Each structure stands twice: as structure tokens, then as C-alpha cells.
Amino acid sequence: MRIELTNGQWIEVREDIKGGDIFAVHEANVVPLNEDGRASAISFQKAEDDALIALAQRMITGWSFQVPLPQSFAAAKSVLSDLSGPDLKRFKAEMKPLLDQVRNDDMPEPKSGDVPAGAVPD
């Protein structure tokens, strides 16, 4: 899928969800704990942003920027941080259905024939 930005630039994103995409989003939402086991700090918006950046880093397949494709969370965050507010908002809106799928909000359930023999479905 191609996400057209307001300044004529674009970002190309694959649309098929892979296991690594799910793992990356889960890893991005780790909450650090202090000595008594409570969250030392939590920002729900940061968790959302980190999930988006983690997914973008894995799913961006091309773009019109003059820098290499993101090979790390930090590289993806750097490029997305340089987008204008309207372009970031557009990118987030286009990525939301994919993020929902990764979070299993919209992931299709496997058909009974799709579960390997001996496997226990969730």
C-alpha cells in the first residue's frame, strides 16, 4: 500500500502481517518496573507511538526520502519524527488497520482446516 503525503512524498508499506510484526509490537510495549514491582513510569500515548514505530520499521518497503529504509526502531523513529504533523497524522491513520490486525483486534480466525494436526488452537 502506498501512503501519499501532503508534500508529494510517499511511503510504501506491505499489508501482510507476519509473526515478527506481532512480536515487534509486543516488545515495543514493555513497561519498566521499579524495585517494588510497580510500573516506574507509563505513558499510554508513548506505548501507542512505540507500537506504531515498531510496526513501521518492519513493514515499510519503500519511500521517497533520501535516506535508507529503517533498519532499526531508532531509524524509523527518526524519519517519522521529521514528518509534518498532518503527514504523521495521515501515516498513523493509514497504519491503524494494520496495527489493529497485529493486536489481534481484526486478525481473521484460522479455519478449522488451518490448524495443524495435534496443535491446540487458542
PDB file of N, CA and C in Angstrom:
ATOM      1  N   MET A   1       0.860  -1.164   0.000  1.00  0.00           N
ATOM      2  CA  MET A   1       0.000   0.000   0.000  1.00  0.00           C
ATOM      3  C   MET A   1       0.907   1.228   0.000  1.00  0.00           C
ATOM      4  N   ARG A   2       0.496   2.233  -0.731  1.00  0.00           N
ATOM      5  CA  ARG A   2       1.254   3.475  -0.791  1.00  0.00           C
ATOM      6  C   ARG A   2       0.500   4.561  -0.023  1.00  0.00           C
ATOM      7  N   ILE A   3       1.219   5.198   0.898  1.00  0.00           N
ATOM      8  CA  ILE A   3       0.657   6.297   1.677  1.00  0.00           C
ATOM      9  C   ILE A   3       1.211   7.587   1.081  1.00  0.00           C
ATOM     10  N   GLU A   4       0.328   8.378   0.499  1.00  0.00           N
ATOM     11  CA  GLU A   4       0.718   9.644  -0.119  1.00  0.00           C
ATOM     12  C   GLU A   4       0.743  10.725   0.953  1.00  0.00           C
ATOM     13  N   LEU A   5       1.832  11.457   1.028  1.00  0.00           N
ATOM     14  CA  LEU A   5       1.978  12.531   1.990  1.00  0.00           C
ATOM     15  C   LEU A   5       1.657  13.868   1.329  1.00  0.00           C
ATOM     16  N   THR A   6       1.416  14.883   2.137  1.00  0.00           N
ATOM     17  CA  THR A   6       0.948  16.169   1.616  1.00  0.00           C
ATOM     18  C   THR A   6       1.976  16.892   0.769  1.00  0.00           C
ATOM     19  N   ASN A   7       3.256  16.606   0.942  1.00  0.00           N
ATOM     20  CA  ASN A   7       4.300  17.325   0.217  1.00  0.00           C
ATOM     21  C   ASN A   7       4.743  16.593  -1.051  1.00  0.00           C
ATOM     22  N   GLY A   8       3.961  15.622  -1.491  1.00  0.00           N
ATOM     23  CA  GLY A   8       4.297  14.862  -2.687  1.00  0.00           C
ATOM     24  C   GLY A   8       5.156  13.638  -2.421  1.00  0.00           C
ATOM     25  N   GLN A   9       5.639  13.488  -1.197  1.00  0.00           N
ATOM     26  CA  GLN A   9       6.408  12.294  -0.870  1.00  0.00           C
ATOM     27  C   GLN A   9       5.459  11.145  -0.552  1.00  0.00           C
ATOM     28  N   TRP A  10       5.995   9.956  -0.427  1.00  0.00           N
ATOM     29  CA  TRP A  10       5.180   8.770  -0.186  1.00  0.00           C
ATOM     30  C   TRP A  10       5.964   7.749   0.631  1.00  0.00           C
ATOM     31  N   ILE A  11       5.188   6.841   1.250  1.00  0.00           N
ATOM     32  CA  ILE A  11       5.752   5.715   1.997  1.00  0.00           C
ATOM     33  C   ILE A  11       5.015   4.461   1.538  1.00  0.00           C
ATOM     34  N   GLU A  12       5.757   3.453   1.156  1.00  0.00           N
ATOM     35  CA  GLU A  12       5.198   2.177   0.717  1.00  0.00           C
ATOM     36  C   GLU A  12       5.263   1.190   1.884  1.00  0.00           C
ATOM     37  N   VAL A  13       4.154   0.493   2.149  1.00  0.00           N
ATOM     38  CA  VAL A  13       4.051  -0.419   3.292  1.00  0.00           C
ATOM     39  C   VAL A  13       3.446  -1.736   2.817  1.00  0.00           C
ATOM     40  N   ARG A  14       4.055  -2.844   3.220  1.00  0.00           N
ATOM     41  CA  ARG A  14       3.428  -4.143   2.898  1.00  0.00           C
ATOM     42  C   ARG A  14       2.202  -4.323   3.779  1.00  0.00           C
ATOM     43  N   GLU A  15       1.257  -5.112   3.310  1.00  0.00           N
ATOM     44  CA  GLU A  15      -0.005  -5.252   4.034  1.00  0.00           C
ATOM     45  C   GLU A  15      -0.203  -6.617   4.684  1.00  0.00           C
ATOM     46  N   ASP A  16       0.668  -7.576   4.398  1.00  0.00           N
ATOM     47  CA  ASP A  16       0.511  -8.889   5.011  1.00  0.00           C
ATOM     48  C   ASP A  16       1.242  -8.916   6.353  1.00  0.00           C
ATOM     49  N   ILE A  17       0.539  -9.362   7.370  1.00  0.00           N
ATOM     50  CA  ILE A  17       1.071  -9.410   8.728  1.00  0.00           C
ATOM     51  C   ILE A  17       1.876 -10.694   8.914  1.00  0.00           C
ATOM     52  N   LYS A  18       3.067 -10.544   9.479  1.00  0.00           N
ATOM     53  CA  LYS A  18       3.923 -11.696   9.771  1.00  0.00           C
ATOM     54  C   LYS A  18       4.095 -11.825  11.282  1.00  0.00           C
ATOM     55  N   GLY A  19       4.511 -12.978  11.714  1.00  0.00           N
ATOM     56  CA  GLY A  19       4.720 -13.215  13.141  1.00  0.00           C
ATOM     57  C   GLY A  19       5.683 -12.226  13.767  1.00  0.00           C
ATOM     58  N   GLY A  20       6.755 -11.901  13.061  1.00  0.00           N
ATOM     59  CA  GLY A  20       7.730 -10.946  13.576  1.00  0.00           C
ATOM     60  C   GLY A  20       7.134  -9.565  13.806  1.00  0.00           C
ATOM     61  N   ASP A  21       6.131  -9.197  13.009  1.00  0.00           N
ATOM     62  CA  ASP A  21       5.453  -7.910  13.207  1.00  0.00           C
ATOM     63  C   ASP A  21       4.738  -7.901  14.548  1.00  0.00           C
ATOM     64  N   ILE A  22       4.078  -9.005  14.852  1.00  0.00           N
ATOM     65  CA  ILE A  22       3.360  -9.134  16.122  1.00  0.00           C
ATOM     66  C   ILE A  22       4.353  -9.075  17.284  1.00  0.00           C
ATOM     67  N   PHE A  23       5.444  -9.837  17.168  1.00  0.00           N
ATOM     68  CA  PHE A  23       6.448  -9.844  18.236  1.00  0.00           C
ATOM     69  C   PHE A  23       7.047  -8.457  18.445  1.00  0.00           C
ATOM     70  N   ALA A  24       7.348  -7.740  17.356  1.00  0.00           N
ATOM     71  CA  ALA A  24       7.965  -6.416  17.465  1.00  0.00           C
ATOM     72  C   ALA A  24       7.056  -5.430  18.184  1.00  0.00           C
ATOM     73  N   VAL A  25       5.762  -5.477  17.895  1.00  0.00           N
ATOM     74  CA  VAL A  25       4.817  -4.578  18.568  1.00  0.00           C
ATOM     75  C   VAL A  25       4.709  -4.939  20.038  1.00  0.00           C
ATOM     76  N   HIS A  26       4.679  -6.221  20.354  1.00  0.00           N
ATOM     77  CA  HIS A  26       4.623  -6.637  21.753  1.00  0.00           C
ATOM     78  C   HIS A  26       5.884  -6.200  22.500  1.00  0.00           C
ATOM     79  N   GLU A  27       7.034  -6.358  21.876  1.00  0.00           N
ATOM     80  CA  GLU A  27       8.295  -5.965  22.520  1.00  0.00           C
ATOM     81  C   GLU A  27       8.381  -4.463  22.735  1.00  0.00           C
ATOM     82  N   ALA A  28       7.760  -3.699  21.859  1.00  0.00           N
ATOM     83  CA  ALA A  28       7.803  -2.237  21.971  1.00  0.00           C
ATOM     84  C   ALA A  28       6.971  -1.728  23.146  1.00  0.00           C
ATOM     85  N   ASN A  29       6.095  -2.561  23.659  1.00  0.00           N
ATOM     86  CA  ASN A  29       5.198  -2.125  24.728  1.00  0.00           C
ATOM     87  C   ASN A  29       5.570  -2.693  26.091  1.00  0.00           C
ATOM     88  N   VAL A  30       6.853  -2.895  26.318  1.00  0.00           N
ATOM     89  CA  VAL A  30       7.329  -3.353  27.621  1.00  0.00           C
ATOM     90  C   VAL A  30       7.324  -2.170  28.589  1.00  0.00           C
ATOM     91  N   VAL A  31       6.783  -2.382  29.770  1.00  0.00           N
ATOM     92  CA  VAL A  31       6.731  -1.333  30.801  1.00  0.00           C
ATOM     93  C   VAL A  31       7.793  -1.639  31.850  1.00  0.00           C
ATOM     94  N   PRO A  32       8.748  -0.731  32.047  1.00  0.00           N
ATOM     95  CA  PRO A  32       9.778  -0.975  33.064  1.00  0.00           C
ATOM     96  C   PRO A  32       9.185  -0.936  34.472  1.00  0.00           C
ATOM     97  N   LEU A  33       9.651  -1.839  35.322  1.00  0.00           N
ATOM     98  CA  LEU A  33       9.163  -1.907  36.698  1.00  0.00           C
ATOM     99  C   LEU A  33      10.243  -1.416  37.656  1.00  0.00           C
ATOM    100  N   ASN A  34       9.820  -0.805  38.757  1.00  0.00           N
ATOM    101  CA  ASN A  34      10.794  -0.390  39.767  1.00  0.00           C
ATOM    102  C   ASN A  34      11.005  -1.541  40.754  1.00  0.00           C
ATOM    103  N   GLU A  35      11.719  -1.315  41.830  1.00  0.00           N
ATOM    104  CA  GLU A  35      12.102  -2.386  42.758  1.00  0.00           C
ATOM    105  C   GLU A  35      10.919  -3.071  43.421  1.00  0.00           C
ATOM    106  N   ASP A  36       9.818  -2.365  43.628  1.00  0.00           N
ATOM    107  CA  ASP A  36       8.664  -2.995  44.279  1.00  0.00           C
ATOM    108  C   ASP A  36       7.685  -3.619  43.277  1.00  0.00           C
ATOM    109  N   GLY A  37       8.085  -3.705  42.020  1.00  0.00           N
ATOM    110  CA  GLY A  37       7.274  -4.384  41.020  1.00  0.00           C
ATOM    111  C   GLY A  37       6.207  -3.522  40.369  1.00  0.00           C
ATOM    112  N   ARG A  38       6.173  -2.262  40.686  1.00  0.00           N
ATOM    113  CA  ARG A  38       5.204  -1.358  40.064  1.00  0.00           C
ATOM    114  C   ARG A  38       5.849  -0.689  38.851  1.00  0.00           C
ATOM    115  N   ALA A  39       4.992  -0.231  37.959  1.00  0.00           N
ATOM    116  CA  ALA A  39       5.492   0.484  36.786  1.00  0.00           C
ATOM    117  C   ALA A  39       6.240   1.728  37.244  1.00  0.00           C
ATOM    118  N   SER A  40       7.474   1.884  36.767  1.00  0.00           N
ATOM    119  CA  SER A  40       8.263   3.051  37.168  1.00  0.00           C
ATOM    120  C   SER A  40       7.773   4.303  36.453  1.00  0.00           C
ATOM    121  N   ALA A  41       7.266   4.144  35.268  1.00  0.00           N
ATOM    122  CA  ALA A  41       6.666   5.244  34.512  1.00  0.00           C
ATOM    123  C   ALA A  41       5.852   4.624  33.394  1.00  0.00           C
ATOM    124  N   ILE A  42       4.746   5.230  33.064  1.00  0.00           N
ATOM    125  CA  ILE A  42       3.934   4.726  31.966  1.00  0.00           C
ATOM    126  C   ILE A  42       3.268   5.882  31.255  1.00  0.00           C
ATOM    127  N   SER A  43       3.318   5.851  29.961  1.00  0.00           N
ATOM    128  CA  SER A  43       2.633   6.814  29.115  1.00  0.00           C
ATOM    129  C   SER A  43       1.879   6.003  28.071  1.00  0.00           C
ATOM    130  N   PHE A  44       0.576   6.059  28.118  1.00  0.00           N
ATOM    131  CA  PHE A  44      -0.213   5.281  27.168  1.00  0.00           C
ATOM    132  C   PHE A  44       0.014   5.771  25.741  1.00  0.00           C
ATOM    133  N   GLN A  45       0.210   7.078  25.570  1.00  0.00           N
ATOM    134  CA  GLN A  45       0.468   7.610  24.231  1.00  0.00           C
ATOM    135  C   GLN A  45       1.828   7.140  23.727  1.00  0.00           C
ATOM    136  N   LYS A  46       2.843   7.098  24.608  1.00  0.00           N
ATOM    137  CA  LYS A  46       4.161   6.597  24.199  1.00  0.00           C
ATOM    138  C   LYS A  46       4.064   5.135  23.773  1.00  0.00           C
ATOM    139  N   ALA A  47       3.272   4.357  24.502  1.00  0.00           N
ATOM    140  CA  ALA A  47       3.082   2.952  24.128  1.00  0.00           C
ATOM    141  C   ALA A  47       2.465   2.853  22.734  1.00  0.00           C
ATOM    142  N   GLU A  48       1.490   3.706  22.442  1.00  0.00           N
ATOM    143  CA  GLU A  48       0.880   3.731  21.110  1.00  0.00           C
ATOM    144  C   GLU A  48       1.905   4.117  20.051  1.00  0.00           C
ATOM    145  N   ASP A  49       2.665   5.176  20.341  1.00  0.00           N
ATOM    146  CA  ASP A  49       3.682   5.638  19.398  1.00  0.00           C
ATOM    147  C   ASP A  49       4.737   4.568  19.162  1.00  0.00           C
ATOM    148  N   ASP A  50       5.200   3.924  20.237  1.00  0.00           N
ATOM    149  CA  ASP A  50       6.219   2.881  20.112  1.00  0.00           C
ATOM    150  C   ASP A  50       5.710   1.700  19.289  1.00  0.00           C
ATOM    151  N   ALA A  51       4.439   1.340  19.463  1.00  0.00           N
ATOM    152  CA  ALA A  51       3.858   0.248  18.676  1.00  0.00           C
ATOM    153  C   ALA A  51       3.835   0.620  17.195  1.00  0.00           C
ATOM    154  N   LEU A  52       3.433   1.844  16.886  1.00  0.00           N
ATOM    155  CA  LEU A  52       3.396   2.310  15.504  1.00  0.00           C
ATOM    156  C   LEU A  52       4.803   2.307  14.894  1.00  0.00           C
ATOM    157  N   ILE A  53       5.777   2.817  15.618  1.00  0.00           N
ATOM    158  CA  ILE A  53       7.154   2.883  15.116  1.00  0.00           C
ATOM    159  C   ILE A  53       7.709   1.477  14.895  1.00  0.00           C
ATOM    160  N   ALA A  54       7.468   0.574  15.849  1.00  0.00           N
ATOM    161  CA  ALA A  54       7.956  -0.805  15.717  1.00  0.00           C
ATOM    162  C   ALA A  54       7.351  -1.481  14.489  1.00  0.00           C
ATOM    163  N   LEU A  55       6.065  -1.268  14.278  1.00  0.00           N
ATOM    164  CA  LEU A  55       5.409  -1.871  13.118  1.00  0.00           C
ATOM    165  C   LEU A  55       5.906  -1.231  11.828  1.00  0.00           C
ATOM    166  N   ALA A  56       6.032   0.079  11.813  1.00  0.00           N
ATOM    167  CA  ALA A  56       6.501   0.785  10.623  1.00  0.00           C
ATOM    168  C   ALA A  56       7.897   0.311  10.233  1.00  0.00           C
ATOM    169  N   GLN A  57       8.773   0.162  11.214  1.00  0.00           N
ATOM    170  CA  GLN A  57      10.149  -0.263  10.942  1.00  0.00           C
ATOM    171  C   GLN A  57      10.174  -1.600  10.202  1.00  0.00           C
ATOM    172  N   ARG A  58       9.249  -2.471  10.521  1.00  0.00           N
ATOM    173  CA  ARG A  58       9.211  -3.789   9.891  1.00  0.00           C
ATOM    174  C   ARG A  58       8.470  -3.790   8.561  1.00  0.00           C
ATOM    175  N   MET A  59       7.461  -2.922   8.410  1.00  0.00           N
ATOM    176  CA  MET A  59       6.556  -3.035   7.267  1.00  0.00           C
ATOM    177  C   MET A  59       6.815  -2.036   6.145  1.00  0.00           C
ATOM    178  N   ILE A  60       7.632  -1.012   6.379  1.00  0.00           N
ATOM    179  CA  ILE A  60       7.943  -0.064   5.306  1.00  0.00           C
ATOM    180  C   ILE A  60       8.845  -0.763   4.292  1.00  0.00           C
ATOM    181  N   THR A  61       8.409  -0.761   3.031  1.00  0.00           N
ATOM    182  CA  THR A  61       9.173  -1.436   1.981  1.00  0.00           C
ATOM    183  C   THR A  61       9.804  -0.454   0.994  1.00  0.00           C
ATOM    184  N   GLY A  62       9.401   0.806   1.062  1.00  0.00           N
ATOM    185  CA  GLY A  62       9.965   1.806   0.169  1.00  0.00           C
ATOM    186  C   GLY A  62       9.449   3.183   0.547  1.00  0.00           C
ATOM    187  N   TRP A  63      10.197   4.215   0.136  1.00  0.00           N
ATOM    188  CA  TRP A  63       9.733   5.575   0.368  1.00  0.00           C
ATOM    189  C   TRP A  63      10.510   6.532  -0.511  1.00  0.00           C
ATOM    190  N   SER A  64      10.038   7.766  -0.556  1.00  0.00           N
ATOM    191  CA  SER A  64      10.652   8.760  -1.423  1.00  0.00           C
ATOM    192  C   SER A  64      11.704   9.600  -0.704  1.00  0.00           C
ATOM    193  N   PHE A  65      12.022   9.287   0.534  1.00  0.00           N
ATOM    194  CA  PHE A  65      13.023  10.046   1.287  1.00  0.00           C
ATOM    195  C   PHE A  65      14.427   9.680   0.813  1.00  0.00           C
ATOM    196  N   GLN A  66      15.365  10.569   1.025  1.00  0.00           N
ATOM    197  CA  GLN A  66      16.743  10.371   0.568  1.00  0.00           C
ATOM    198  C   GLN A  66      17.610   9.715   1.637  1.00  0.00           C
ATOM    199  N   VAL A  67      17.029   8.856   2.433  1.00  0.00           N
ATOM    200  CA  VAL A  67      17.763   8.102   3.450  1.00  0.00           C
ATOM    201  C   VAL A  67      17.410   6.629   3.287  1.00  0.00           C
ATOM    202  N   PRO A  68      18.270   5.726   3.760  1.00  0.00           N
ATOM    203  CA  PRO A  68      17.963   4.293   3.637  1.00  0.00           C
ATOM    204  C   PRO A  68      16.692   3.916   4.407  1.00  0.00           C
ATOM    205  N   LEU A  69      16.080   2.827   3.996  1.00  0.00           N
ATOM    206  CA  LEU A  69      14.924   2.306   4.735  1.00  0.00           C
ATOM    207  C   LEU A  69      15.331   2.014   6.161  1.00  0.00           C
ATOM    208  N   PRO A  70      14.412   2.130   7.101  1.00  0.00           N
ATOM    209  CA  PRO A  70      14.765   1.954   8.513  1.00  0.00           C
ATOM    210  C   PRO A  70      15.144   0.510   8.823  1.00  0.00           C
ATOM    211  N   GLN A  71      16.315   0.341   9.401  1.00  0.00           N
ATOM    212  CA  GLN A  71      16.769  -0.984   9.803  1.00  0.00           C
ATOM    213  C   GLN A  71      16.676  -1.162  11.312  1.00  0.00           C
ATOM    214  N   SER A  72      16.182  -0.136  12.004  1.00  0.00           N
ATOM    215  CA  SER A  72      16.053  -0.205  13.449  1.00  0.00           C
ATOM    216  C   SER A  72      14.888   0.668  13.893  1.00  0.00           C
ATOM    217  N   PHE A  73      14.481   0.459  15.122  1.00  0.00           N
ATOM    218  CA  PHE A  73      13.437   1.270  15.733  1.00  0.00           C
ATOM    219  C   PHE A  73      13.856   2.740  15.718  1.00  0.00           C
ATOM    220  N   ALA A  74      15.120   3.011  16.102  1.00  0.00           N
ATOM    221  CA  ALA A  74      15.615   4.390  16.172  1.00  0.00           C
ATOM    222  C   ALA A  74      15.588   5.060  14.801  1.00  0.00           C
ATOM    223  N   ALA A  75      15.951   4.327  13.751  1.00  0.00           N
ATOM    224  CA  ALA A  75      15.941   4.899  12.399  1.00  0.00           C
ATOM    225  C   ALA A  75      14.523   5.225  11.954  1.00  0.00           C
ATOM    226  N   ALA A  76      13.584   4.326  12.232  1.00  0.00           N
ATOM    227  CA  ALA A  76      12.181   4.588  11.870  1.00  0.00           C
ATOM    228  C   ALA A  76      11.647   5.780  12.644  1.00  0.00           C
ATOM    229  N   LYS A  77      11.973   5.852  13.927  1.00  0.00           N
ATOM    230  CA  LYS A  77      11.500   6.970  14.746  1.00  0.00           C
ATOM    231  C   LYS A  77      12.065   8.290  14.231  1.00  0.00           C
ATOM    232  N   SER A  78      13.314   8.284  13.825  1.00  0.00           N
ATOM    233  CA  SER A  78      13.949   9.499  13.331  1.00  0.00           C
ATOM    234  C   SER A  78      13.235  10.025  12.089  1.00  0.00           C
ATOM    235  N   VAL A  79      12.954   9.149  11.121  1.00  0.00           N
ATOM    236  CA  VAL A  79      12.297   9.579   9.889  1.00  0.00           C
ATOM    237  C   VAL A  79      10.868  10.010  10.168  1.00  0.00           C
ATOM    238  N   LEU A  80      10.136   9.226  10.952  1.00  0.00           N
ATOM    239  CA  LEU A  80       8.742   9.589  11.260  1.00  0.00           C
ATOM    240  C   LEU A  80       8.689  10.882  12.060  1.00  0.00           C
ATOM    241  N   SER A  81       9.695  11.144  12.869  1.00  0.00           N
ATOM    242  CA  SER A  81       9.744  12.383  13.653  1.00  0.00           C
ATOM    243  C   SER A  81       9.903  13.610  12.767  1.00  0.00           C
ATOM    244  N   ASP A  82      10.471  13.430  11.594  1.00  0.00           N
ATOM    245  CA  ASP A  82      10.662  14.550  10.677  1.00  0.00           C
ATOM    246  C   ASP A  82       9.436  14.844   9.814  1.00  0.00           C
ATOM    247  N   LEU A  83       8.414  13.972   9.866  1.00  0.00           N
ATOM    248  CA  LEU A  83       7.195  14.243   9.102  1.00  0.00           C
ATOM    249  C   LEU A  83       6.476  15.453   9.688  1.00  0.00           C
ATOM    250  N   SER A  84       5.767  16.179   8.848  1.00  0.00           N
ATOM    251  CA  SER A  84       4.930  17.265   9.355  1.00  0.00           C
ATOM    252  C   SER A  84       3.796  16.662  10.177  1.00  0.00           C
ATOM    253  N   GLY A  85       3.188  17.465  11.013  1.00  0.00           N
ATOM    254  CA  GLY A  85       2.060  16.988  11.823  1.00  0.00           C
ATOM    255  C   GLY A  85       0.964  16.354  10.972  1.00  0.00           C
ATOM    256  N   PRO A  86       0.510  17.028   9.898  1.00  0.00           N
ATOM    257  CA  PRO A  86      -0.526  16.423   9.043  1.00  0.00           C
ATOM    258  C   PRO A  86      -0.082  15.116   8.389  1.00  0.00           C
ATOM    259  N   ASP A  87       1.198  15.044   7.965  1.00  0.00           N
ATOM    260  CA  ASP A  87       1.671  13.804   7.346  1.00  0.00           C
ATOM    261  C   ASP A  87       1.757  12.670   8.357  1.00  0.00           C
ATOM    262  N   LEU A  88       2.204  12.965   9.580  1.00  0.00           N
ATOM    263  CA  LEU A  88       2.248  11.932  10.612  1.00  0.00           C
ATOM    264  C   LEU A  88       0.837  11.452  10.925  1.00  0.00           C
ATOM    265  N   LYS A  89      -0.101  12.370  10.992  1.00  0.00           N
ATOM    266  CA  LYS A  89      -1.493  12.003  11.263  1.00  0.00           C
ATOM    267  C   LYS A  89      -2.035  11.098  10.154  1.00  0.00           C
ATOM    268  N   ARG A  90      -1.718  11.428   8.902  1.00  0.00           N
ATOM    269  CA  ARG A  90      -2.148  10.602   7.764  1.00  0.00           C
ATOM    270  C   ARG A  90      -1.504   9.214   7.842  1.00  0.00           C
ATOM    271  N   PHE A  91      -0.196   9.179   8.146  1.00  0.00           N
ATOM    272  CA  PHE A  91       0.510   7.903   8.256  1.00  0.00           C
ATOM    273  C   PHE A  91      -0.119   7.036   9.345  1.00  0.00           C
ATOM    274  N   LYS A  92      -0.377   7.632  10.505  1.00  0.00           N
ATOM    275  CA  LYS A  92      -0.994   6.890  11.608  1.00  0.00           C
ATOM    276  C   LYS A  92      -2.354   6.333  11.203  1.00  0.00           C
ATOM    277  N   ALA A  93      -3.158   7.148  10.520  1.00  0.00           N
ATOM    278  CA  ALA A  93      -4.495   6.714  10.104  1.00  0.00           C
ATOM    279  C   ALA A  93      -4.417   5.534   9.129  1.00  0.00           C
ATOM    280  N   GLU A  94      -3.470   5.592   8.203  1.00  0.00           N
ATOM    281  CA  GLU A  94      -3.316   4.506   7.226  1.00  0.00           C
ATOM    282  C   GLU A  94      -2.768   3.228   7.870  1.00  0.00           C
ATOM    283  N   MET A  95      -1.939   3.390   8.896  1.00  0.00           N
ATOM    284  CA  MET A  95      -1.344   2.240   9.574  1.00  0.00           C
ATOM    285  C   MET A  95      -2.274   1.610  10.614  1.00  0.00           C
ATOM    286  N   LYS A  96      -3.298   2.349  11.064  1.00  0.00           N
ATOM    287  CA  LYS A  96      -4.174   1.868  12.134  1.00  0.00           C
ATOM    288  C   LYS A  96      -4.790   0.497  11.845  1.00  0.00           C
ATOM    289  N   PRO A  97      -5.339   0.248  10.645  1.00  0.00           N
ATOM    290  CA  PRO A  97      -5.897  -1.095  10.397  1.00  0.00           C
ATOM    291  C   PRO A  97      -4.852  -2.206  10.534  1.00  0.00           C
ATOM    292  N   LEU A  98      -3.616  -1.940  10.115  1.00  0.00           N
ATOM    293  CA  LEU A  98      -2.560  -2.949  10.252  1.00  0.00           C
ATOM    294  C   LEU A  98      -2.184  -3.145  11.712  1.00  0.00           C
ATOM    295  N   LEU A  99      -2.108  -2.045  12.455  1.00  0.00           N
ATOM    296  CA  LEU A  99      -1.803  -2.141  13.884  1.00  0.00           C
ATOM    297  C   LEU A  99      -2.909  -2.899  14.613  1.00  0.00           C
ATOM    298  N   ASP A 100      -4.162  -2.661  14.226  1.00  0.00           N
ATOM    299  CA  ASP A 100      -5.283  -3.397  14.827  1.00  0.00           C
ATOM    300  C   ASP A 100      -5.165  -4.893  14.545  1.00  0.00           C
ATOM    301  N   GLN A 101      -4.762  -5.240  13.330  1.00  0.00           N
ATOM    302  CA  GLN A 101      -4.587  -6.661  12.997  1.00  0.00           C
ATOM    303  C   GLN A 101      -3.485  -7.288  13.840  1.00  0.00           C
ATOM    304  N   VAL A 102      -2.385  -6.576  13.993  1.00  0.00           N
ATOM    305  CA  VAL A 102      -1.267  -7.097  14.781  1.00  0.00           C
ATOM    306  C   VAL A 102      -1.696  -7.322  16.226  1.00  0.00           C
ATOM    307  N   ARG A 103      -2.522  -6.453  16.717  1.00  0.00           N
ATOM    308  CA  ARG A 103      -3.010  -6.586  18.096  1.00  0.00           C
ATOM    309  C   ARG A 103      -4.158  -7.579  18.202  1.00  0.00           C
ATOM    310  N   ASN A 104      -4.447  -8.264  17.107  1.00  0.00           N
ATOM    311  CA  ASN A 104      -5.497  -9.275  17.034  1.00  0.00           C
ATOM    312  C   ASN A 104      -6.894  -8.696  17.164  1.00  0.00           C
ATOM    313  N   ASP A 105      -7.037  -7.376  17.042  1.00  0.00           N
ATOM    314  CA  ASP A 105      -8.367  -6.774  17.056  1.00  0.00           C
ATOM    315  C   ASP A 105      -9.124  -7.135  15.789  1.00  0.00           C
ATOM    316  N   ASP A 106      -8.414  -7.355  14.700  1.00  0.00           N
ATOM    317  CA  ASP A 106      -9.049  -7.578  13.414  1.00  0.00           C
ATOM    318  C   ASP A 106      -8.395  -8.728  12.658  1.00  0.00           C
ATOM    319  N   MET A 107      -7.681  -9.603  13.372  1.00  0.00           N
ATOM    320  CA  MET A 107      -7.000 -10.716  12.727  1.00  0.00           C
ATOM    321  C   MET A 107      -8.026 -11.811  12.447  1.00  0.00           C
ATOM    322  N   PRO A 108      -8.122 -12.267  11.195  1.00  0.00           N
ATOM    323  CA  PRO A 108      -9.094 -13.331  10.916  1.00  0.00           C
ATOM    324  C   PRO A 108      -8.738 -14.607  11.667  1.00  0.00           C
ATOM    325  N   GLU A 109      -9.741 -15.252  12.172  1.00  0.00           N
ATOM    326  CA  GLU A 109      -9.542 -16.527  12.874  1.00  0.00           C
ATOM    327  C   GLU A 109      -9.203 -17.600  11.852  1.00  0.00           C
ATOM    328  N   PRO A 110      -8.295 -18.509  12.193  1.00  0.00           N
ATOM    329  CA  PRO A 110      -7.987 -19.592  11.256  1.00  0.00           C
ATOM    330  C   PRO A 110      -9.188 -20.521  11.119  1.00  0.00           C
ATOM    331  N   LYS A 111      -9.357 -21.043   9.913  1.00  0.00           N
ATOM    332  CA  LYS A 111     -10.422 -22.024   9.683  1.00  0.00           C
ATOM    333  C   LYS A 111      -9.999 -23.326  10.330  1.00  0.00           C
ATOM    334  N   SER A 112     -10.950 -24.175  10.657  1.00  0.00           N
ATOM    335  CA  SER A 112     -10.635 -25.420  11.347  1.00  0.00           C
ATOM    336  C   SER A 112      -9.599 -26.238  10.606  1.00  0.00           C
ATOM    337  N   GLY A 113      -9.592 -26.187   9.280  1.00  0.00           N
ATOM    338  CA  GLY A 113      -8.610 -26.920   8.500  1.00  0.00           C
ATOM    339  C   GLY A 113      -7.226 -26.286   8.522  1.00  0.00           C
ATOM    340  N   ASP A 114      -7.127 -25.050   9.024  1.00  0.00           N
ATOM    341  CA  ASP A 114      -5.850 -24.341   9.045  1.00  0.00           C
ATOM    342  C   ASP A 114      -4.992 -24.701  10.251  1.00  0.00           C
ATOM    343  N   VAL A 115      -5.557 -25.378  11.269  1.00  0.00           N
ATOM    344  CA  VAL A 115      -4.815 -25.718  12.464  1.00  0.00           C
ATOM    345  C   VAL A 115      -4.111 -27.059  12.226  1.00  0.00           C
ATOM    346  N   PRO A 116      -2.778 -27.098  12.359  1.00  0.00           N
ATOM    347  CA  PRO A 116      -2.055 -28.347  12.116  1.00  0.00           C
ATOM    348  C   PRO A 116      -2.525 -29.458  13.064  1.00  0.00           C
ATOM    349  N   ALA A 117      -2.440 -30.682  12.594  1.00  0.00           N
ATOM    350  CA  ALA A 117      -2.816 -31.819  13.420  1.00  0.00           C
ATOM    351  C   ALA A 117      -2.029 -31.837  14.714  1.00  0.00           C
ATOM    352  N   GLY A 118      -2.704 -32.035  15.822  1.00  0.00           N
ATOM    353  CA  GLY A 118      -2.054 -32.095  17.116  1.00  0.00           C
ATOM    354  C   GLY A 118      -1.896 -30.753  17.798  1.00  0.00           C
ATOM    355  N   ALA A 119      -2.112 -29.670  17.066  1.00  0.00           N
ATOM    356  CA  ALA A 119      -1.993 -28.322  17.641  1.00  0.00           C
ATOM    357  C   ALA A 119      -3.285 -27.976  18.364  1.00  0.00           C
ATOM    358  N   VAL A 120      -3.154 -27.208  19.410  1.00  0.00           N
ATOM    359  CA  VAL A 120      -4.319 -26.778  20.164  1.00  0.00           C
ATOM    360  C   VAL A 120      -4.571 -25.309  19.832  1.00  0.00           C
ATOM    361  N   PRO A 121      -5.718 -24.992  19.169  1.00  0.00           N
ATOM    362  CA  PRO A 121      -5.981 -23.604  18.856  1.00  0.00           C
ATOM    363  C   PRO A 121      -6.251 -22.810  20.116  1.00  0.00           C
ATOM    364  N   ASP A 122      -5.935 -21.492  20.072  1.00  0.00           N
ATOM    365  CA  ASP A 122      -6.170 -20.619  21.236  1.00  0.00           C
ATOM    366  C   ASP A 122      -7.632 -20.537  21.584  1.00  0.00           C
TER     367      ASP A 122
END
